[in-house]
Amino acid sequence: LLLNFAASNGGIGLLVNLVGNDVDRIYQAILFLHYLWLSVFFLIWIMMMMYLSIGVAGLIGFGVLFLLVPINAFVSSLIGRKKRLLLLRTDARSNLLQQAFGGIQVL
């Protein structure tokens, strides 16, 4: 199975890179998944404390923060595009190293 993938899709370097990226994404998801539900409680608690401390100005600050979410989404998509380009270059580098190590093995 491994040799079929390597022969048809561009080498062992590509396979190693893909598996490494998948494992990293799973690890990141497990690491930060609990923040989805925890962030709601943090947000409510902080908004309540700011309202009690400084009044309506705290709620206005949170409103401005939520208005900036589209800018954050744009920057995140830009970073995602750059990461895809970086992954393509990493694949090329992995293939080159795999070929070099294969050549060293032959010698």
PDB file of N, CA and C in Angstrom:
ATOM      1  N   LEU A   1       0.833  -1.203   0.000  1.00  0.00           N
ATOM      2  CA  LEU A   1       0.000   0.000   0.000  1.00  0.00           C
ATOM      3  C   LEU A   1       0.868   1.254   0.000  1.00  0.00           C
ATOM      4  N   LEU A   2       1.911   1.251   0.824  1.00  0.00           N
ATOM      5  CA  LEU A   2       2.798   2.400   0.895  1.00  0.00           C
ATOM      6  C   LEU A   2       3.518   2.628  -0.421  1.00  0.00           C
ATOM      7  N   LEU A   3       3.975   1.555  -1.045  1.00  0.00           N
ATOM      8  CA  LEU A   3       4.675   1.693  -2.316  1.00  0.00           C
ATOM      9  C   LEU A   3       3.733   2.163  -3.421  1.00  0.00           C
ATOM     10  N   ASN A   4       2.465   1.722  -3.392  1.00  0.00           N
ATOM     11  CA  ASN A   4       1.493   2.205  -4.374  1.00  0.00           C
ATOM     12  C   ASN A   4       1.276   3.693  -4.232  1.00  0.00           C
ATOM     13  N   PHE A   5       1.120   4.173  -2.992  1.00  0.00           N
ATOM     14  CA  PHE A   5       0.920   5.605  -2.761  1.00  0.00           C
ATOM     15  C   PHE A   5       2.145   6.388  -3.212  1.00  0.00           C
ATOM     16  N   ALA A   6       3.325   5.898  -2.862  1.00  0.00           N
ATOM     17  CA  ALA A   6       4.560   6.606  -3.199  1.00  0.00           C
ATOM     18  C   ALA A   6       4.755   6.672  -4.705  1.00  0.00           C
ATOM     19  N   ALA A   7       4.449   5.596  -5.391  1.00  0.00           N
ATOM     20  CA  ALA A   7       4.655   5.573  -6.837  1.00  0.00           C
ATOM     21  C   ALA A   7       3.638   6.432  -7.566  1.00  0.00           C
ATOM     22  N   SER A   8       2.401   6.473  -7.076  1.00  0.00           N
ATOM     23  CA  SER A   8       1.364   7.183  -7.824  1.00  0.00           C
ATOM     24  C   SER A   8       1.229   8.649  -7.437  1.00  0.00           C
ATOM     25  N   ASN A   9       1.686   9.037  -6.257  1.00  0.00           N
ATOM     26  CA  ASN A   9       1.414  10.395  -5.795  1.00  0.00           C
ATOM     27  C   ASN A   9       2.639  11.243  -5.521  1.00  0.00           C
ATOM     28  N   GLY A  10       3.808  10.789  -5.798  1.00  0.00           N
ATOM     29  CA  GLY A  10       4.941  11.687  -5.697  1.00  0.00           C
ATOM     30  C   GLY A  10       5.959  11.371  -4.632  1.00  0.00           C
ATOM     31  N   GLY A  11       5.960  10.209  -4.047  1.00  0.00           N
ATOM     32  CA  GLY A  11       7.053   9.854  -3.171  1.00  0.00           C
ATOM     33  C   GLY A  11       6.685   9.746  -1.704  1.00  0.00           C
ATOM     34  N   ILE A  12       7.623   9.175  -0.984  1.00  0.00           N
ATOM     35  CA  ILE A  12       7.461   8.970   0.449  1.00  0.00           C
ATOM     36  C   ILE A  12       7.453  10.316   1.182  1.00  0.00           C
ATOM     37  N   GLY A  13       8.217  11.278   0.669  1.00  0.00           N
ATOM     38  CA  GLY A  13       8.265  12.597   1.313  1.00  0.00           C
ATOM     39  C   GLY A  13       6.891  13.227   1.400  1.00  0.00           C
ATOM     40  N   LEU A  14       6.099  13.112   0.350  1.00  0.00           N
ATOM     41  CA  LEU A  14       4.741  13.652   0.356  1.00  0.00           C
ATOM     42  C   LEU A  14       3.886  12.935   1.391  1.00  0.00           C
ATOM     43  N   LEU A  15       4.015  11.615   1.462  1.00  0.00           N
ATOM     44  CA  LEU A  15       3.242  10.847   2.431  1.00  0.00           C
ATOM     45  C   LEU A  15       3.605  11.237   3.857  1.00  0.00           C
ATOM     46  N   VAL A  16       4.884  11.358   4.137  1.00  0.00           N
ATOM     47  CA  VAL A  16       5.325  11.743   5.481  1.00  0.00           C
ATOM     48  C   VAL A  16       4.820  13.136   5.826  1.00  0.00           C
ATOM     49  N   ASN A  17       4.869  14.041   4.870  1.00  0.00           N
ATOM     50  CA  ASN A  17       4.400  15.408   5.101  1.00  0.00           C
ATOM     51  C   ASN A  17       2.903  15.434   5.374  1.00  0.00           C
ATOM     52  N   LEU A  18       2.129  14.683   4.608  1.00  0.00           N
ATOM     53  CA  LEU A  18       0.682  14.651   4.802  1.00  0.00           C
ATOM     54  C   LEU A  18       0.307  14.056   6.161  1.00  0.00           C
ATOM     55  N   VAL A  19       0.960  12.960   6.519  1.00  0.00           N
ATOM     56  CA  VAL A  19       0.671  12.334   7.809  1.00  0.00           C
ATOM     57  C   VAL A  19       1.068  13.265   8.946  1.00  0.00           C
ATOM     58  N   GLY A  20       2.212  13.916   8.825  1.00  0.00           N
ATOM     59  CA  GLY A  20       2.649  14.861   9.857  1.00  0.00           C
ATOM     60  C   GLY A  20       1.670  16.014  10.028  1.00  0.00           C
ATOM     61  N   ASN A  21       1.165  16.542   8.919  1.00  0.00           N
ATOM     62  CA  ASN A  21       0.194  17.636   8.993  1.00  0.00           C
ATOM     63  C   ASN A  21      -1.115  17.178   9.623  1.00  0.00           C
ATOM     64  N   ASP A  22      -1.562  15.970   9.272  1.00  0.00           N
ATOM     65  CA  ASP A  22      -2.809  15.454   9.851  1.00  0.00           C
ATOM     66  C   ASP A  22      -2.676  15.228  11.351  1.00  0.00           C
ATOM     67  N   VAL A  23      -1.563  14.671  11.772  1.00  0.00           N
ATOM     68  CA  VAL A  23      -1.348  14.437  13.196  1.00  0.00           C
ATOM     69  C   VAL A  23      -1.289  15.762  13.949  1.00  0.00           C
ATOM     70  N   ASP A  24      -0.639  16.770  13.359  1.00  0.00           N
ATOM     71  CA  ASP A  24      -0.568  18.075  14.008  1.00  0.00           C
ATOM     72  C   ASP A  24      -1.953  18.702  14.140  1.00  0.00           C
ATOM     73  N   ARG A  25      -2.781  18.575  13.131  1.00  0.00           N
ATOM     74  CA  ARG A  25      -4.138  19.135  13.206  1.00  0.00           C
ATOM     75  C   ARG A  25      -4.986  18.436  14.262  1.00  0.00           C
ATOM     76  N   ILE A  26      -4.849  17.112  14.355  1.00  0.00           N
ATOM     77  CA  ILE A  26      -5.593  16.374  15.390  1.00  0.00           C
ATOM     78  C   ILE A  26      -5.125  16.809  16.774  1.00  0.00           C
ATOM     79  N   TYR A  27      -3.813  16.941  16.942  1.00  0.00           N
ATOM     80  CA  TYR A  27      -3.266  17.372  18.229  1.00  0.00           C
ATOM     81  C   TYR A  27      -3.771  18.764  18.597  1.00  0.00           C
ATOM     82  N   GLN A  28      -3.750  19.690  17.642  1.00  0.00           N
ATOM     83  CA  GLN A  28      -4.220  21.047  17.907  1.00  0.00           C
ATOM     84  C   GLN A  28      -5.706  21.057  18.252  1.00  0.00           C
ATOM     85  N   ALA A  29      -6.497  20.230  17.578  1.00  0.00           N
ATOM     86  CA  ALA A  29      -7.935  20.162  17.872  1.00  0.00           C
ATOM     87  C   ALA A  29      -8.181  19.652  19.279  1.00  0.00           C
ATOM     88  N   ILE A  30      -7.461  18.596  19.667  1.00  0.00           N
ATOM     89  CA  ILE A  30      -7.640  18.053  21.009  1.00  0.00           C
ATOM     90  C   ILE A  30      -7.190  19.064  22.057  1.00  0.00           C
ATOM     91  N   LEU A  31      -6.118  19.774  21.768  1.00  0.00           N
ATOM     92  CA  LEU A  31      -5.567  20.721  22.724  1.00  0.00           C
ATOM     93  C   LEU A  31      -6.507  21.894  22.987  1.00  0.00           C
ATOM     94  N   PHE A  32      -7.200  22.376  21.963  1.00  0.00           N
ATOM     95  CA  PHE A  32      -7.986  23.593  22.099  1.00  0.00           C
ATOM     96  C   PHE A  32      -9.494  23.386  22.016  1.00  0.00           C
ATOM     97  N   LEU A  33      -9.974  22.156  21.914  1.00  0.00           N
ATOM     98  CA  LEU A  33     -11.398  21.908  21.747  1.00  0.00           C
ATOM     99  C   LEU A  33     -12.218  22.359  22.948  1.00  0.00           C
ATOM    100  N   HIS A  34     -11.691  22.192  24.142  1.00  0.00           N
ATOM    101  CA  HIS A  34     -12.466  22.563  25.326  1.00  0.00           C
ATOM    102  C   HIS A  34     -12.656  24.068  25.447  1.00  0.00           C
ATOM    103  N   TYR A  35     -11.858  24.859  24.733  1.00  0.00           N
ATOM    104  CA  TYR A  35     -12.032  26.305  24.779  1.00  0.00           C
ATOM    105  C   TYR A  35     -13.319  26.760  24.094  1.00  0.00           C
ATOM    106  N   LEU A  36     -13.908  25.920  23.247  1.00  0.00           N
ATOM    107  CA  LEU A  36     -15.171  26.295  22.610  1.00  0.00           C
ATOM    108  C   LEU A  36     -16.264  26.540  23.636  1.00  0.00           C
ATOM    109  N   TRP A  37     -16.445  25.611  24.557  1.00  0.00           N
ATOM    110  CA  TRP A  37     -17.497  25.791  25.549  1.00  0.00           C
ATOM    111  C   TRP A  37     -17.029  26.679  26.698  1.00  0.00           C
ATOM    112  N   LEU A  38     -15.741  26.648  27.016  1.00  0.00           N
ATOM    113  CA  LEU A  38     -15.235  27.436  28.128  1.00  0.00           C
ATOM    114  C   LEU A  38     -15.223  28.927  27.807  1.00  0.00           C
ATOM    115  N   SER A  39     -15.003  29.272  26.554  1.00  0.00           N
ATOM    116  CA  SER A  39     -14.935  30.686  26.173  1.00  0.00           C
ATOM    117  C   SER A  39     -16.274  31.384  26.363  1.00  0.00           C
ATOM    118  N   VAL A  40     -17.382  30.676  26.225  1.00  0.00           N
ATOM    119  CA  VAL A  40     -18.698  31.287  26.442  1.00  0.00           C
ATOM    120  C   VAL A  40     -18.830  31.732  27.898  1.00  0.00           C
ATOM    121  N   PHE A  41     -18.434  30.869  28.805  1.00  0.00           N
ATOM    122  CA  PHE A  41     -18.505  31.228  30.227  1.00  0.00           C
ATOM    123  C   PHE A  41     -17.549  32.367  30.567  1.00  0.00           C
ATOM    124  N   PHE A  42     -16.336  32.330  30.005  1.00  0.00           N
ATOM    125  CA  PHE A  42     -15.387  33.414  30.231  1.00  0.00           C
ATOM    126  C   PHE A  42     -15.938  34.737  29.718  1.00  0.00           C
ATOM    127  N   LEU A  43     -16.529  34.728  28.551  1.00  0.00           N
ATOM    128  CA  LEU A  43     -17.069  35.948  27.957  1.00  0.00           C
ATOM    129  C   LEU A  43     -18.179  36.534  28.815  1.00  0.00           C
ATOM    130  N   ILE A  44     -19.086  35.692  29.254  1.00  0.00           N
ATOM    131  CA  ILE A  44     -20.185  36.174  30.104  1.00  0.00           C
ATOM    132  C   ILE A  44     -19.630  36.720  31.412  1.00  0.00           C
ATOM    133  N   TRP A  45     -18.695  36.002  32.030  1.00  0.00           N
ATOM    134  CA  TRP A  45     -18.120  36.444  33.302  1.00  0.00           C
ATOM    135  C   TRP A  45     -17.385  37.778  33.150  1.00  0.00           C
ATOM    136  N   ILE A  46     -16.584  37.910  32.106  1.00  0.00           N
ATOM    137  CA  ILE A  46     -15.817  39.141  31.908  1.00  0.00           C
ATOM    138  C   ILE A  46     -16.737  40.310  31.591  1.00  0.00           C
ATOM    139  N   MET A  47     -17.760  40.078  30.766  1.00  0.00           N
ATOM    140  CA  MET A  47     -18.701  41.163  30.463  1.00  0.00           C
ATOM    141  C   MET A  47     -19.425  41.621  31.728  1.00  0.00           C
ATOM    142  N   MET A  48     -19.804  40.675  32.557  1.00  0.00           N
ATOM    143  CA  MET A  48     -20.484  41.037  33.802  1.00  0.00           C
ATOM    144  C   MET A  48     -19.550  41.828  34.716  1.00  0.00           C
ATOM    145  N   MET A  49     -18.305  41.389  34.847  1.00  0.00           N
ATOM    146  CA  MET A  49     -17.357  42.090  35.720  1.00  0.00           C
ATOM    147  C   MET A  49     -17.027  43.484  35.189  1.00  0.00           C
ATOM    148  N   MET A  50     -16.906  43.616  33.874  1.00  0.00           N
ATOM    149  CA  MET A  50     -16.622  44.942  33.309  1.00  0.00           C
ATOM    150  C   MET A  50     -17.816  45.868  33.481  1.00  0.00           C
ATOM    151  N   TYR A  51     -19.007  45.334  33.311  1.00  0.00           N
ATOM    152  CA  TYR A  51     -20.198  46.169  33.497  1.00  0.00           C
ATOM    153  C   TYR A  51     -20.296  46.644  34.945  1.00  0.00           C
ATOM    154  N   LEU A  52     -20.012  45.752  35.872  1.00  0.00           N
ATOM    155  CA  LEU A  52     -20.063  46.132  37.287  1.00  0.00           C
ATOM    156  C   LEU A  52     -18.936  47.091  37.654  1.00  0.00           C
ATOM    157  N   SER A  53     -17.794  46.995  36.967  1.00  0.00           N
ATOM    158  CA  SER A  53     -16.652  47.856  37.289  1.00  0.00           C
ATOM    159  C   SER A  53     -16.743  49.226  36.639  1.00  0.00           C
ATOM    160  N   ILE A  54     -16.964  49.263  35.328  1.00  0.00           N
ATOM    161  CA  ILE A  54     -16.916  50.556  34.626  1.00  0.00           C
ATOM    162  C   ILE A  54     -18.217  50.921  33.932  1.00  0.00           C
ATOM    163  N   GLY A  55     -19.213  50.090  34.040  1.00  0.00           N
ATOM    164  CA  GLY A  55     -20.526  50.442  33.500  1.00  0.00           C
ATOM    165  C   GLY A  55     -20.676  50.136  32.021  1.00  0.00           C
ATOM    166  N   VAL A  56     -21.436  50.983  31.356  1.00  0.00           N
ATOM    167  CA  VAL A  56     -21.795  50.764  29.957  1.00  0.00           C
ATOM    168  C   VAL A  56     -20.576  50.808  29.030  1.00  0.00           C
ATOM    169  N   ALA A  57     -19.526  51.513  29.427  1.00  0.00           N
ATOM    170  CA  ALA A  57     -18.328  51.611  28.588  1.00  0.00           C
ATOM    171  C   ALA A  57     -17.720  50.224  28.329  1.00  0.00           C
ATOM    172  N   GLY A  58     -17.819  49.342  29.292  1.00  0.00           N
ATOM    173  CA  GLY A  58     -17.307  47.983  29.090  1.00  0.00           C
ATOM    174  C   GLY A  58     -18.080  47.245  28.013  1.00  0.00           C
ATOM    175  N   LEU A  59     -19.408  47.424  28.004  1.00  0.00           N
ATOM    176  CA  LEU A  59     -20.222  46.784  26.969  1.00  0.00           C
ATOM    177  C   LEU A  59     -19.950  47.389  25.600  1.00  0.00           C
ATOM    178  N   ILE A  60     -19.698  48.672  25.560  1.00  0.00           N
ATOM    179  CA  ILE A  60     -19.348  49.325  24.290  1.00  0.00           C
ATOM    180  C   ILE A  60     -18.013  48.786  23.783  1.00  0.00           C
ATOM    181  N   GLY A  61     -17.068  48.573  24.674  1.00  0.00           N
ATOM    182  CA  GLY A  61     -15.782  47.996  24.291  1.00  0.00           C
ATOM    183  C   GLY A  61     -15.942  46.617  23.687  1.00  0.00           C
ATOM    184  N   PHE A  62     -16.816  45.797  24.281  1.00  0.00           N
ATOM    185  CA  PHE A  62     -17.063  44.479  23.707  1.00  0.00           C
ATOM    186  C   PHE A  62     -17.757  44.580  22.356  1.00  0.00           C
ATOM    187  N   GLY A  63     -18.607  45.584  22.194  1.00  0.00           N
ATOM    188  CA  GLY A  63     -19.245  45.779  20.893  1.00  0.00           C
ATOM    189  C   GLY A  63     -18.225  46.098  19.813  1.00  0.00           C
ATOM    190  N   VAL A  64     -17.259  46.957  20.133  1.00  0.00           N
ATOM    191  CA  VAL A  64     -16.196  47.278  19.181  1.00  0.00           C
ATOM    192  C   VAL A  64     -15.364  46.030  18.877  1.00  0.00           C
ATOM    193  N   LEU A  65     -15.111  45.242  19.901  1.00  0.00           N
ATOM    194  CA  LEU A  65     -14.363  43.999  19.713  1.00  0.00           C
ATOM    195  C   LEU A  65     -15.080  43.079  18.730  1.00  0.00           C
ATOM    196  N   PHE A  66     -16.376  42.947  18.858  1.00  0.00           N
ATOM    197  CA  PHE A  66     -17.125  42.078  17.948  1.00  0.00           C
ATOM    198  C   PHE A  66     -17.211  42.663  16.539  1.00  0.00           C
ATOM    199  N   LEU A  67     -17.137  43.982  16.418  1.00  0.00           N
ATOM    200  CA  LEU A  67     -17.109  44.571  15.081  1.00  0.00           C
ATOM    201  C   LEU A  67     -15.794  44.291  14.353  1.00  0.00           C
ATOM    202  N   LEU A  68     -14.739  43.983  15.110  1.00  0.00           N
ATOM    203  CA  LEU A  68     -13.443  43.698  14.501  1.00  0.00           C
ATOM    204  C   LEU A  68     -13.285  42.238  14.077  1.00  0.00           C
ATOM    205  N   VAL A  69     -14.269  41.422  14.336  1.00  0.00           N
ATOM    206  CA  VAL A  69     -14.198  39.995  13.971  1.00  0.00           C
ATOM    207  C   VAL A  69     -14.018  39.795  12.462  1.00  0.00           C
ATOM    208  N   PRO A  70     -14.678  40.544  11.573  1.00  0.00           N
ATOM    209  CA  PRO A  70     -14.438  40.336  10.136  1.00  0.00           C
ATOM    210  C   PRO A  70     -12.993  40.605   9.717  1.00  0.00           C
ATOM    211  N   ILE A  71     -12.338  41.566  10.354  1.00  0.00           N
ATOM    212  CA  ILE A  71     -10.924  41.824  10.039  1.00  0.00           C
ATOM    213  C   ILE A  71     -10.086  40.617  10.442  1.00  0.00           C
ATOM    214  N   ASN A  72     -10.401  40.048  11.595  1.00  0.00           N
ATOM    215  CA  ASN A  72      -9.696  38.852  12.046  1.00  0.00           C
ATOM    216  C   ASN A  72      -9.919  37.695  11.068  1.00  0.00           C
ATOM    217  N   ALA A  73     -11.128  37.537  10.566  1.00  0.00           N
ATOM    218  CA  ALA A  73     -11.422  36.470   9.606  1.00  0.00           C
ATOM    219  C   ALA A  73     -10.620  36.667   8.316  1.00  0.00           C
ATOM    220  N   PHE A  74     -10.505  37.909   7.853  1.00  0.00           N
ATOM    221  CA  PHE A  74      -9.736  38.189   6.642  1.00  0.00           C
ATOM    222  C   PHE A  74      -8.265  37.846   6.830  1.00  0.00           C
ATOM    223  N   VAL A  75      -7.697  38.264   7.948  1.00  0.00           N
ATOM    224  CA  VAL A  75      -6.286  37.983   8.214  1.00  0.00           C
ATOM    225  C   VAL A  75      -6.061  36.476   8.342  1.00  0.00           C
ATOM    226  N   SER A  76      -6.992  35.775   8.968  1.00  0.00           N
ATOM    227  CA  SER A  76      -6.871  34.323   9.100  1.00  0.00           C
ATOM    228  C   SER A  76      -6.905  33.635   7.737  1.00  0.00           C
ATOM    229  N   SER A  77      -7.771  34.082   6.848  1.00  0.00           N
ATOM    230  CA  SER A  77      -7.813  33.483   5.511  1.00  0.00           C
ATOM    231  C   SER A  77      -6.526  33.780   4.742  1.00  0.00           C
ATOM    232  N   LEU A  78      -5.965  34.959   4.931  1.00  0.00           N
ATOM    233  CA  LEU A  78      -4.698  35.298   4.290  1.00  0.00           C
ATOM    234  C   LEU A  78      -3.580  34.390   4.806  1.00  0.00           C
ATOM    235  N   ILE A  79      -3.557  34.153   6.095  1.00  0.00           N
ATOM    236  CA  ILE A  79      -2.556  33.249   6.675  1.00  0.00           C
ATOM    237  C   ILE A  79      -2.759  31.835   6.150  1.00  0.00           C
ATOM    238  N   GLY A  80      -4.010  31.398   6.001  1.00  0.00           N
ATOM    239  CA  GLY A  80      -4.287  30.067   5.462  1.00  0.00           C
ATOM    240  C   GLY A  80      -3.771  29.903   4.046  1.00  0.00           C
ATOM    241  N   ARG A  81      -3.940  30.936   3.214  1.00  0.00           N
ATOM    242  CA  ARG A  81      -3.427  30.859   1.847  1.00  0.00           C
ATOM    243  C   ARG A  81      -1.905  30.773   1.834  1.00  0.00           C
ATOM    244  N   LYS A  82      -1.265  31.540   2.698  1.00  0.00           N
ATOM    245  CA  LYS A  82       0.197  31.504   2.766  1.00  0.00           C
ATOM    246  C   LYS A  82       0.680  30.146   3.269  1.00  0.00           C
ATOM    247  N   LYS A  83      -0.057  29.543   4.200  1.00  0.00           N
ATOM    248  CA  LYS A  83       0.332  28.237   4.721  1.00  0.00           C
ATOM    249  C   LYS A  83       0.211  27.165   3.646  1.00  0.00           C
ATOM    250  N   ARG A  84      -0.820  27.249   2.805  1.00  0.00           N
ATOM    251  CA  ARG A  84      -0.943  26.291   1.701  1.00  0.00           C
ATOM    252  C   ARG A  84       0.251  26.397   0.753  1.00  0.00           C
ATOM    253  N   LEU A  85       0.676  27.625   0.457  1.00  0.00           N
ATOM    254  CA  LEU A  85       1.847  27.827  -0.392  1.00  0.00           C
ATOM    255  C   LEU A  85       3.096  27.243   0.276  1.00  0.00           C
ATOM    256  N   LEU A  86       3.215  27.449   1.580  1.00  0.00           N
ATOM    257  CA  LEU A  86       4.344  26.907   2.324  1.00  0.00           C
ATOM    258  C   LEU A  86       4.333  25.380   2.302  1.00  0.00           C
ATOM    259  N   LEU A  87       3.151  24.769   2.394  1.00  0.00           N
ATOM    260  CA  LEU A  87       3.057  23.312   2.355  1.00  0.00           C
ATOM    261  C   LEU A  87       3.485  22.760   0.999  1.00  0.00           C
ATOM    262  N   LEU A  88       3.159  23.459  -0.077  1.00  0.00           N
ATOM    263  CA  LEU A  88       3.599  23.020  -1.400  1.00  0.00           C
ATOM    264  C   LEU A  88       5.123  23.031  -1.500  1.00  0.00           C
ATOM    265  N   ARG A  89       5.727  24.077  -0.952  1.00  0.00           N
ATOM    266  CA  ARG A  89       7.189  24.149  -0.969  1.00  0.00           C
ATOM    267  C   ARG A  89       7.803  23.084  -0.056  1.00  0.00           C
ATOM    268  N   THR A  90       7.145  22.811   1.062  1.00  0.00           N
ATOM    269  CA  THR A  90       7.640  21.764   1.956  1.00  0.00           C
ATOM    270  C   THR A  90       7.567  20.409   1.279  1.00  0.00           C
ATOM    271  N   ASP A  91       6.494  20.156   0.519  1.00  0.00           N
ATOM    272  CA  ASP A  91       6.386  18.902  -0.226  1.00  0.00           C
ATOM    273  C   ASP A  91       7.531  18.764  -1.222  1.00  0.00           C
ATOM    274  N   ALA A  92       7.841  19.836  -1.921  1.00  0.00           N
ATOM    275  CA  ALA A  92       8.934  19.796  -2.898  1.00  0.00           C
ATOM    276  C   ALA A  92      10.259  19.531  -2.191  1.00  0.00           C
ATOM    277  N   ARG A  93      10.466  20.178  -1.047  1.00  0.00           N
ATOM    278  CA  ARG A  93      11.695  19.959  -0.295  1.00  0.00           C
ATOM    279  C   ARG A  93      11.779  18.517   0.211  1.00  0.00           C
ATOM    280  N   SER A  94      10.663  17.984   0.706  1.00  0.00           N
ATOM    281  CA  SER A  94      10.648  16.601   1.199  1.00  0.00           C
ATOM    282  C   SER A  94      10.969  15.623   0.080  1.00  0.00           C
ATOM    283  N   ASN A  95      10.417  15.857  -1.100  1.00  0.00           N
ATOM    284  CA  ASN A  95      10.712  14.980  -2.242  1.00  0.00           C
ATOM    285  C   ASN A  95      12.184  15.065  -2.629  1.00  0.00           C
ATOM    286  N   LEU A  96      12.734  16.269  -2.619  1.00  0.00           N
ATOM    287  CA  LEU A  96      14.141  16.446  -2.959  1.00  0.00           C
ATOM    288  C   LEU A  96      15.039  15.727  -1.951  1.00  0.00           C
ATOM    289  N   LEU A  97      14.736  15.861  -0.666  1.00  0.00           N
ATOM    290  CA  LEU A  97      15.526  15.174   0.351  1.00  0.00           C
ATOM    291  C   LEU A  97      15.388  13.654   0.232  1.00  0.00           C
ATOM    292  N   GLN A  98      14.194  13.185  -0.077  1.00  0.00           N
ATOM    293  CA  GLN A  98      13.970  11.750  -0.237  1.00  0.00           C
ATOM    294  C   GLN A  98      14.794  11.217  -1.403  1.00  0.00           C
ATOM    295  N   GLN A  99      14.857  11.974  -2.494  1.00  0.00           N
ATOM    296  CA  GLN A  99      15.657  11.553  -3.644  1.00  0.00           C
ATOM    297  C   GLN A  99      17.146  11.591  -3.310  1.00  0.00           C
ATOM    298  N   ALA A 100      17.551  12.604  -2.545  1.00  0.00           N
ATOM    299  CA  ALA A 100      18.965  12.700  -2.166  1.00  0.00           C
ATOM    300  C   ALA A 100      19.367  11.539  -1.269  1.00  0.00           C
ATOM    301  N   PHE A 101      18.525  11.216  -0.300  1.00  0.00           N
ATOM    302  CA  PHE A 101      18.822  10.090   0.580  1.00  0.00           C
ATOM    303  C   PHE A 101      18.788   8.772  -0.178  1.00  0.00           C
ATOM    304  N   GLY A 102      17.908   8.668  -1.156  1.00  0.00           N
ATOM    305  CA  GLY A 102      17.881   7.479  -2.005  1.00  0.00           C
ATOM    306  C   GLY A 102      19.168   7.360  -2.822  1.00  0.00           C
ATOM    307  N   GLY A 103      19.675   8.482  -3.304  1.00  0.00           N
ATOM    308  CA  GLY A 103      20.940   8.474  -4.031  1.00  0.00           C
ATOM    309  C   GLY A 103      22.098   8.119  -3.141  1.00  0.00           C
ATOM    310  N   ILE A 104      22.087   8.580  -1.896  1.00  0.00           N
ATOM    311  CA  ILE A 104      23.148   8.234  -0.952  1.00  0.00           C
ATOM    312  C   ILE A 104      23.118   6.746  -0.658  1.00  0.00           C
ATOM    313  N   GLN A 105      21.913   6.185  -0.537  1.00  0.00           N
ATOM    314  CA  GLN A 105      21.781   4.746  -0.270  1.00  0.00           C
ATOM    315  C   GLN A 105      22.372   3.918  -1.396  1.00  0.00           C
ATOM    316  N   VAL A 106      22.207   4.384  -2.632  1.00  0.00           N
ATOM    317  CA  VAL A 106      22.723   3.665  -3.782  1.00  0.00           C
ATOM    318  C   VAL A 106      24.237   3.620  -3.727  1.00  0.00           C
ATOM    319  N   LEU A 107      24.835   4.733  -3.303  1.00  0.00           N
ATOM    320  CA  LEU A 107      26.306   4.788  -3.215  1.00  0.00           C
ATOM    321  C   LEU A 107      26.765   3.892  -2.114  1.00  0.00           C
TER     322      LEU A 107
END
